[in-house]
Amino acid sequence: QAAPSVPVAAPTIATYPVPTPDAGI
């Protein structure tokens, strides 16, 4: 494996909170 490099942009990630707190997904 090569030494990792830093890309110019982060991946596009969308996250959605689960309505029940601490649901144990």
mmCIF file of all heavy atoms, coordinates in Angstrom:
data_MODEL
# 
_entry.id   MODEL 
# 
loop_
_atom_site.group_PDB 
_atom_site.id 
_atom_site.type_symbol 
_atom_site.label_atom_id 
_atom_site.label_alt_id 
_atom_site.label_comp_id 
_atom_site.label_asym_id 
_atom_site.label_entity_id 
_atom_site.label_seq_id 
_atom_site.pdbx_PDB_ins_code 
_atom_site.Cartn_x 
_atom_site.Cartn_y 
_atom_site.Cartn_z 
_atom_site.occupancy 
_atom_site.B_iso_or_equiv 
_atom_site.pdbx_formal_charge 
_atom_site.auth_seq_id 
_atom_site.auth_comp_id 
_atom_site.auth_asym_id 
_atom_site.auth_atom_id 
_atom_site.pdbx_PDB_model_num 
ATOM 1   N N   . GLN A 1 1  ? 0.846   -1.185 0.000  1.00 0.00 ? 1  GLN A N   1 
ATOM 2   C CA  . GLN A 1 1  ? 0.000   0.000  0.000  1.00 0.00 ? 1  GLN A CA  1 
ATOM 3   C C   . GLN A 1 1  ? 0.881   1.234  0.000  1.00 0.00 ? 1  GLN A C   1 
ATOM 4   O O   . GLN A 1 1  ? 1.900   1.289  0.681  1.00 0.00 ? 1  GLN A O   1 
ATOM 5   C CB  . GLN A 1 1  ? -0.905  0.026  1.240  1.00 0.00 ? 1  GLN A CB  1 
ATOM 6   C CG  . GLN A 1 1  ? -1.912  -1.119 1.280  1.00 0.00 ? 1  GLN A CG  1 
ATOM 7   C CD  . GLN A 1 1  ? -3.101  -0.858 0.393  1.00 0.00 ? 1  GLN A CD  1 
ATOM 8   O OE1 . GLN A 1 1  ? -3.370  0.281  0.022  1.00 0.00 ? 1  GLN A OE1 1 
ATOM 9   N NE2 . GLN A 1 1  ? -3.813  -1.900 0.024  1.00 0.00 ? 1  GLN A NE2 1 
ATOM 10  N N   . ALA A 1 2  ? 0.488   2.205  -0.760 1.00 0.00 ? 2  ALA A N   1 
ATOM 11  C CA  . ALA A 1 2  ? 1.266   3.439  -0.846 1.00 0.00 ? 2  ALA A CA  1 
ATOM 12  C C   . ALA A 1 2  ? 0.890   4.375  0.283  1.00 0.00 ? 2  ALA A C   1 
ATOM 13  O O   . ALA A 1 2  ? -0.142  4.232  0.924  1.00 0.00 ? 2  ALA A O   1 
ATOM 14  C CB  . ALA A 1 2  ? 1.000   4.127  -2.181 1.00 0.00 ? 2  ALA A CB  1 
ATOM 15  N N   . ALA A 1 3  ? 1.748   5.353  0.500  1.00 0.00 ? 3  ALA A N   1 
ATOM 16  C CA  . ALA A 1 3  ? 1.407   6.393  1.464  1.00 0.00 ? 3  ALA A CA  1 
ATOM 17  C C   . ALA A 1 3  ? 0.176   7.122  0.972  1.00 0.00 ? 3  ALA A C   1 
ATOM 18  O O   . ALA A 1 3  ? 0.084   7.485  -0.200 1.00 0.00 ? 3  ALA A O   1 
ATOM 19  C CB  . ALA A 1 3  ? 2.576   7.360  1.614  1.00 0.00 ? 3  ALA A CB  1 
ATOM 20  N N   . PRO A 1 4  ? -0.837  7.299  1.822  1.00 0.00 ? 4  PRO A N   1 
ATOM 21  C CA  . PRO A 1 4  ? -2.074  7.942  1.370  1.00 0.00 ? 4  PRO A CA  1 
ATOM 22  C C   . PRO A 1 4  ? -1.854  9.409  1.027  1.00 0.00 ? 4  PRO A C   1 
ATOM 23  O O   . PRO A 1 4  ? -0.931  10.054 1.501  1.00 0.00 ? 4  PRO A O   1 
ATOM 24  C CB  . PRO A 1 4  ? -3.009  7.786  2.571  1.00 0.00 ? 4  PRO A CB  1 
ATOM 25  C CG  . PRO A 1 4  ? -2.094  7.599  3.729  1.00 0.00 ? 4  PRO A CG  1 
ATOM 26  C CD  . PRO A 1 4  ? -0.883  6.902  3.209  1.00 0.00 ? 4  PRO A CD  1 
ATOM 27  N N   . SER A 1 5  ? -2.715  9.909  0.169  1.00 0.00 ? 5  SER A N   1 
ATOM 28  C CA  . SER A 1 5  ? -2.644  11.308 -0.214 1.00 0.00 ? 5  SER A CA  1 
ATOM 29  C C   . SER A 1 5  ? -3.956  11.991 0.137  1.00 0.00 ? 5  SER A C   1 
ATOM 30  O O   . SER A 1 5  ? -4.976  11.351 0.287  1.00 0.00 ? 5  SER A O   1 
ATOM 31  C CB  . SER A 1 5  ? -2.368  11.454 -1.712 1.00 0.00 ? 5  SER A CB  1 
ATOM 32  O OG  . SER A 1 5  ? -3.400  10.857 -2.448 1.00 0.00 ? 5  SER A OG  1 
ATOM 33  N N   . VAL A 1 6  ? -3.933  13.285 0.273  1.00 0.00 ? 6  VAL A N   1 
ATOM 34  C CA  . VAL A 1 6  ? -5.123  14.038 0.652  1.00 0.00 ? 6  VAL A CA  1 
ATOM 35  C C   . VAL A 1 6  ? -5.823  14.548 -0.601 1.00 0.00 ? 6  VAL A C   1 
ATOM 36  O O   . VAL A 1 6  ? -5.234  15.276 -1.393 1.00 0.00 ? 6  VAL A O   1 
ATOM 37  C CB  . VAL A 1 6  ? -4.754  15.228 1.555  1.00 0.00 ? 6  VAL A CB  1 
ATOM 38  C CG1 . VAL A 1 6  ? -5.996  16.018 1.926  1.00 0.00 ? 6  VAL A CG1 1 
ATOM 39  C CG2 . VAL A 1 6  ? -4.047  14.721 2.806  1.00 0.00 ? 6  VAL A CG2 1 
ATOM 40  N N   . PRO A 1 7  ? -7.066  14.163 -0.852 1.00 0.00 ? 7  PRO A N   1 
ATOM 41  C CA  . PRO A 1 7  ? -7.781  14.631 -2.030 1.00 0.00 ? 7  PRO A CA  1 
ATOM 42  C C   . PRO A 1 7  ? -8.169  16.098 -1.884 1.00 0.00 ? 7  PRO A C   1 
ATOM 43  O O   . PRO A 1 7  ? -8.110  16.666 -0.808 1.00 0.00 ? 7  PRO A O   1 
ATOM 44  C CB  . PRO A 1 7  ? -9.007  13.728 -2.070 1.00 0.00 ? 7  PRO A CB  1 
ATOM 45  C CG  . PRO A 1 7  ? -9.232  13.348 -0.648 1.00 0.00 ? 7  PRO A CG  1 
ATOM 46  C CD  . PRO A 1 7  ? -7.861  13.241 -0.030 1.00 0.00 ? 7  PRO A CD  1 
ATOM 47  N N   . VAL A 1 8  ? -8.620  16.671 -2.977 1.00 0.00 ? 8  VAL A N   1 
ATOM 48  C CA  . VAL A 1 8  ? -8.944  18.090 -2.968 1.00 0.00 ? 8  VAL A CA  1 
ATOM 49  C C   . VAL A 1 8  ? -10.322 18.357 -2.375 1.00 0.00 ? 8  VAL A C   1 
ATOM 50  O O   . VAL A 1 8  ? -10.614 19.475 -1.976 1.00 0.00 ? 8  VAL A O   1 
ATOM 51  C CB  . VAL A 1 8  ? -8.875  18.666 -4.399 1.00 0.00 ? 8  VAL A CB  1 
ATOM 52  C CG1 . VAL A 1 8  ? -7.450  18.590 -4.920 1.00 0.00 ? 8  VAL A CG1 1 
ATOM 53  C CG2 . VAL A 1 8  ? -9.808  17.899 -5.334 1.00 0.00 ? 8  VAL A CG2 1 
ATOM 54  N N   . ALA A 1 9  ? -11.176 17.339 -2.325 1.00 0.00 ? 9  ALA A N   1 
ATOM 55  C CA  . ALA A 1 9  ? -12.522 17.551 -1.800 1.00 0.00 ? 9  ALA A CA  1 
ATOM 56  C C   . ALA A 1 9  ? -12.971 16.339 -1.013 1.00 0.00 ? 9  ALA A C   1 
ATOM 57  O O   . ALA A 1 9  ? -12.576 15.216 -1.306 1.00 0.00 ? 9  ALA A O   1 
ATOM 58  C CB  . ALA A 1 9  ? -13.500 17.829 -2.940 1.00 0.00 ? 9  ALA A CB  1 
ATOM 59  N N   . ALA A 1 10 ? -13.786 16.568 -0.006 1.00 0.00 ? 10 ALA A N   1 
ATOM 60  C CA  . ALA A 1 10 ? -14.336 15.475 0.790  1.00 0.00 ? 10 ALA A CA  1 
ATOM 61  C C   . ALA A 1 10 ? -15.470 14.803 0.015  1.00 0.00 ? 10 ALA A C   1 
ATOM 62  O O   . ALA A 1 10 ? -16.093 15.417 -0.850 1.00 0.00 ? 10 ALA A O   1 
ATOM 63  C CB  . ALA A 1 10 ? -14.862 16.022 2.112  1.00 0.00 ? 10 ALA A CB  1 
ATOM 64  N N   . PRO A 1 11 ? -15.748 13.538 0.327  1.00 0.00 ? 11 PRO A N   1 
ATOM 65  C CA  . PRO A 1 11 ? -16.886 12.886 -0.338 1.00 0.00 ? 11 PRO A CA  1 
ATOM 66  C C   . PRO A 1 11 ? -18.189 13.525 0.094  1.00 0.00 ? 11 PRO A C   1 
ATOM 67  O O   . PRO A 1 11 ? -18.285 14.154 1.156  1.00 0.00 ? 11 PRO A O   1 
ATOM 68  C CB  . PRO A 1 11 ? -16.780 11.444 0.151  1.00 0.00 ? 11 PRO A CB  1 
ATOM 69  C CG  . PRO A 1 11 ? -16.061 11.536 1.452  1.00 0.00 ? 11 PRO A CG  1 
ATOM 70  C CD  . PRO A 1 11 ? -15.086 12.655 1.287  1.00 0.00 ? 11 PRO A CD  1 
ATOM 71  N N   . THR A 1 12 ? -19.196 13.373 -0.725 1.00 0.00 ? 12 THR A N   1 
ATOM 72  C CA  . THR A 1 12 ? -20.510 13.917 -0.414 1.00 0.00 ? 12 THR A CA  1 
ATOM 73  C C   . THR A 1 12 ? -21.268 12.905 0.440  1.00 0.00 ? 12 THR A C   1 
ATOM 74  O O   . THR A 1 12 ? -21.598 11.816 -0.035 1.00 0.00 ? 12 THR A O   1 
ATOM 75  C CB  . THR A 1 12 ? -21.291 14.216 -1.701 1.00 0.00 ? 12 THR A CB  1 
ATOM 76  O OG1 . THR A 1 12 ? -20.539 15.132 -2.513 1.00 0.00 ? 12 THR A OG1 1 
ATOM 77  C CG2 . THR A 1 12 ? -22.653 14.819 -1.380 1.00 0.00 ? 12 THR A CG2 1 
ATOM 78  N N   . ILE A 1 13 ? -21.526 13.256 1.682  1.00 0.00 ? 13 ILE A N   1 
ATOM 79  C CA  . ILE A 1 13 ? -22.200 12.363 2.617  1.00 0.00 ? 13 ILE A CA  1 
ATOM 80  C C   . ILE A 1 13 ? -23.371 13.110 3.261  1.00 0.00 ? 13 ILE A C   1 
ATOM 81  O O   . ILE A 1 13 ? -23.192 14.183 3.833  1.00 0.00 ? 13 ILE A O   1 
ATOM 82  C CB  . ILE A 1 13 ? -21.242 11.871 3.719  1.00 0.00 ? 13 ILE A CB  1 
ATOM 83  C CG1 . ILE A 1 13 ? -20.031 11.166 3.108  1.00 0.00 ? 13 ILE A CG1 1 
ATOM 84  C CG2 . ILE A 1 13 ? -21.971 10.940 4.684  1.00 0.00 ? 13 ILE A CG2 1 
ATOM 85  C CD1 . ILE A 1 13 ? -19.000 10.728 4.128  1.00 0.00 ? 13 ILE A CD1 1 
ATOM 86  N N   . ALA A 1 14 ? -24.550 12.538 3.144  1.00 0.00 ? 14 ALA A N   1 
ATOM 87  C CA  . ALA A 1 14 ? -25.728 13.089 3.810  1.00 0.00 ? 14 ALA A CA  1 
ATOM 88  C C   . ALA A 1 14 ? -26.112 12.145 4.938  1.00 0.00 ? 14 ALA A C   1 
ATOM 89  O O   . ALA A 1 14 ? -26.093 10.924 4.768  1.00 0.00 ? 14 ALA A O   1 
ATOM 90  C CB  . ALA A 1 14 ? -26.882 13.229 2.823  1.00 0.00 ? 14 ALA A CB  1 
ATOM 91  N N   . THR A 1 15 ? -26.425 12.683 6.100  1.00 0.00 ? 15 THR A N   1 
ATOM 92  C CA  . THR A 1 15 ? -26.853 11.852 7.226  1.00 0.00 ? 15 THR A CA  1 
ATOM 93  C C   . THR A 1 15 ? -28.198 12.316 7.745  1.00 0.00 ? 15 THR A C   1 
ATOM 94  O O   . THR A 1 15 ? -28.539 13.495 7.657  1.00 0.00 ? 15 THR A O   1 
ATOM 95  C CB  . THR A 1 15 ? -25.821 11.868 8.372  1.00 0.00 ? 15 THR A CB  1 
ATOM 96  O OG1 . THR A 1 15 ? -25.724 13.191 8.914  1.00 0.00 ? 15 THR A OG1 1 
ATOM 97  C CG2 . THR A 1 15 ? -24.443 11.415 7.887  1.00 0.00 ? 15 THR A CG2 1 
ATOM 98  N N   . TYR A 1 16 ? -28.948 11.347 8.294  1.00 0.00 ? 16 TYR A N   1 
ATOM 99  C CA  . TYR A 1 16 ? -30.310 11.619 8.751  1.00 0.00 ? 16 TYR A CA  1 
ATOM 100 C C   . TYR A 1 16 ? -30.469 11.070 10.162 1.00 0.00 ? 16 TYR A C   1 
ATOM 101 O O   . TYR A 1 16 ? -30.265 9.865  10.397 1.00 0.00 ? 16 TYR A O   1 
ATOM 102 C CB  . TYR A 1 16 ? -31.317 10.954 7.804  1.00 0.00 ? 16 TYR A CB  1 
ATOM 103 C CG  . TYR A 1 16 ? -31.059 11.277 6.351  1.00 0.00 ? 16 TYR A CG  1 
ATOM 104 C CD1 . TYR A 1 16 ? -30.251 10.439 5.567  1.00 0.00 ? 16 TYR A CD1 1 
ATOM 105 C CD2 . TYR A 1 16 ? -31.586 12.415 5.755  1.00 0.00 ? 16 TYR A CD2 1 
ATOM 106 C CE1 . TYR A 1 16 ? -30.000 10.728 4.232  1.00 0.00 ? 16 TYR A CE1 1 
ATOM 107 C CE2 . TYR A 1 16 ? -31.339 12.709 4.417  1.00 0.00 ? 16 TYR A CE2 1 
ATOM 108 C CZ  . TYR A 1 16 ? -30.538 11.862 3.665  1.00 0.00 ? 16 TYR A CZ  1 
ATOM 109 O OH  . TYR A 1 16 ? -30.278 12.155 2.348  1.00 0.00 ? 16 TYR A OH  1 
ATOM 110 N N   . PRO A 1 17 ? -30.830 11.924 11.139 1.00 0.00 ? 17 PRO A N   1 
ATOM 111 C CA  . PRO A 1 17 ? -30.973 11.461 12.517 1.00 0.00 ? 17 PRO A CA  1 
ATOM 112 C C   . PRO A 1 17 ? -32.191 10.553 12.687 1.00 0.00 ? 17 PRO A C   1 
ATOM 113 O O   . PRO A 1 17 ? -33.264 10.815 12.145 1.00 0.00 ? 17 PRO A O   1 
ATOM 114 C CB  . PRO A 1 17 ? -31.139 12.761 13.312 1.00 0.00 ? 17 PRO A CB  1 
ATOM 115 C CG  . PRO A 1 17 ? -31.691 13.738 12.320 1.00 0.00 ? 17 PRO A CG  1 
ATOM 116 C CD  . PRO A 1 17 ? -31.096 13.365 10.993 1.00 0.00 ? 17 PRO A CD  1 
ATOM 117 N N   . VAL A 1 18 ? -32.021 9.492  13.448 1.00 0.00 ? 18 VAL A N   1 
ATOM 118 C CA  . VAL A 1 18 ? -33.136 8.598  13.768 1.00 0.00 ? 18 VAL A CA  1 
ATOM 119 C C   . VAL A 1 18 ? -33.984 9.262  14.851 1.00 0.00 ? 18 VAL A C   1 
ATOM 120 O O   . VAL A 1 18 ? -33.440 9.746  15.851 1.00 0.00 ? 18 VAL A O   1 
ATOM 121 C CB  . VAL A 1 18 ? -32.605 7.228  14.250 1.00 0.00 ? 18 VAL A CB  1 
ATOM 122 C CG1 . VAL A 1 18 ? -33.745 6.334  14.717 1.00 0.00 ? 18 VAL A CG1 1 
ATOM 123 C CG2 . VAL A 1 18 ? -31.816 6.555  13.131 1.00 0.00 ? 18 VAL A CG2 1 
ATOM 124 N N   . PRO A 1 19 ? -35.297 9.328  14.692 1.00 0.00 ? 19 PRO A N   1 
ATOM 125 C CA  . PRO A 1 19 ? -36.141 10.043 15.655 1.00 0.00 ? 19 PRO A CA  1 
ATOM 126 C C   . PRO A 1 19 ? -36.015 9.535  17.090 1.00 0.00 ? 19 PRO A C   1 
ATOM 127 O O   . PRO A 1 19 ? -36.049 10.330 18.034 1.00 0.00 ? 19 PRO A O   1 
ATOM 128 C CB  . PRO A 1 19 ? -37.558 9.818  15.113 1.00 0.00 ? 19 PRO A CB  1 
ATOM 129 C CG  . PRO A 1 19 ? -37.355 9.623  13.636 1.00 0.00 ? 19 PRO A CG  1 
ATOM 130 C CD  . PRO A 1 19 ? -36.057 8.870  13.514 1.00 0.00 ? 19 PRO A CD  1 
ATOM 131 N N   . THR A 1 20 ? -35.890 8.220  17.284 1.00 0.00 ? 20 THR A N   1 
ATOM 132 C CA  . THR A 1 20 ? -35.774 7.670  18.634 1.00 0.00 ? 20 THR A CA  1 
ATOM 133 C C   . THR A 1 20 ? -34.354 7.855  19.156 1.00 0.00 ? 20 THR A C   1 
ATOM 134 O O   . THR A 1 20 ? -33.406 7.357  18.544 1.00 0.00 ? 20 THR A O   1 
ATOM 135 C CB  . THR A 1 20 ? -36.137 6.177  18.644 1.00 0.00 ? 20 THR A CB  1 
ATOM 136 O OG1 . THR A 1 20 ? -37.484 6.016  18.206 1.00 0.00 ? 20 THR A OG1 1 
ATOM 137 C CG2 . THR A 1 20 ? -35.987 5.585  20.046 1.00 0.00 ? 20 THR A CG2 1 
ATOM 138 N N   . PRO A 1 21 ? -34.158 8.544  20.261 1.00 0.00 ? 21 PRO A N   1 
ATOM 139 C CA  . PRO A 1 21 ? -32.801 8.722  20.799 1.00 0.00 ? 21 PRO A CA  1 
ATOM 140 C C   . PRO A 1 21 ? -32.188 7.390  21.221 1.00 0.00 ? 21 PRO A C   1 
ATOM 141 O O   . PRO A 1 21 ? -32.886 6.511  21.747 1.00 0.00 ? 21 PRO A O   1 
ATOM 142 C CB  . PRO A 1 21 ? -33.027 9.637  22.013 1.00 0.00 ? 21 PRO A CB  1 
ATOM 143 C CG  . PRO A 1 21 ? -34.365 10.268 21.788 1.00 0.00 ? 21 PRO A CG  1 
ATOM 144 C CD  . PRO A 1 21 ? -35.175 9.250  21.052 1.00 0.00 ? 21 PRO A CD  1 
ATOM 145 N N   . ASP A 1 22 ? -30.888 7.252  20.975 1.00 0.00 ? 22 ASP A N   1 
ATOM 146 C CA  . ASP A 1 22 ? -30.148 6.047  21.379 1.00 0.00 ? 22 ASP A CA  1 
ATOM 147 C C   . ASP A 1 22 ? -30.925 4.789  20.986 1.00 0.00 ? 22 ASP A C   1 
ATOM 148 O O   . ASP A 1 22 ? -31.178 3.899  21.809 1.00 0.00 ? 22 ASP A O   1 
ATOM 149 C CB  . ASP A 1 22 ? -29.892 6.064  22.888 1.00 0.00 ? 22 ASP A CB  1 
ATOM 150 C CG  . ASP A 1 22 ? -28.870 5.009  23.304 1.00 0.00 ? 22 ASP A CG  1 
ATOM 151 O OD1 . ASP A 1 22 ? -28.051 4.594  22.465 1.00 0.00 ? 22 ASP A OD1 1 
ATOM 152 O OD2 . ASP A 1 22 ? -28.905 4.599  24.484 1.00 0.00 ? 22 ASP A OD2 1 
ATOM 153 N N   . ALA A 1 23 ? -31.287 4.702  19.714 1.00 0.00 ? 23 ALA A N   1 
ATOM 154 C CA  . ALA A 1 23 ? -32.157 3.623  19.238 1.00 0.00 ? 23 ALA A CA  1 
ATOM 155 C C   . ALA A 1 23 ? -31.466 2.269  19.185 1.00 0.00 ? 23 ALA A C   1 
ATOM 156 O O   . ALA A 1 23 ? -32.122 1.234  19.145 1.00 0.00 ? 23 ALA A O   1 
ATOM 157 C CB  . ALA A 1 23 ? -32.698 3.971  17.851 1.00 0.00 ? 23 ALA A CB  1 
ATOM 158 N N   . GLY A 1 24 ? -30.131 2.257  19.183 1.00 0.00 ? 24 GLY A N   1 
ATOM 159 C CA  . GLY A 1 24 ? -29.416 0.988  19.070 1.00 0.00 ? 24 GLY A CA  1 
ATOM 160 C C   . GLY A 1 24 ? -29.521 0.416  17.663 1.00 0.00 ? 24 GLY A C   1 
ATOM 161 O O   . GLY A 1 24 ? -29.913 -0.737 17.466 1.00 0.00 ? 24 GLY A O   1 
ATOM 162 N N   . ILE A 1 25 ? -29.150 1.227  16.654 1.00 0.00 ? 25 ILE A N   1 
ATOM 163 C CA  . ILE A 1 25 ? -29.297 0.802  15.258 1.00 0.00 ? 25 ILE A CA  1 
ATOM 164 C C   . ILE A 1 25 ? -28.406 -0.403 14.980 1.00 0.00 ? 25 ILE A C   1 
ATOM 165 O O   . ILE A 1 25 ? -27.244 -0.445 15.380 1.00 0.00 ? 25 ILE A O   1 
ATOM 166 C CB  . ILE A 1 25 ? -28.912 1.941  14.304 1.00 0.00 ? 25 ILE A CB  1 
ATOM 167 C CG1 . ILE A 1 25 ? -29.595 3.242  14.713 1.00 0.00 ? 25 ILE A CG1 1 
ATOM 168 C CG2 . ILE A 1 25 ? -29.276 1.581  12.877 1.00 0.00 ? 25 ILE A CG2 1 
ATOM 169 C CD1 . ILE A 1 25 ? -29.108 4.435  13.934 1.00 0.00 ? 25 ILE A CD1 1 
# 
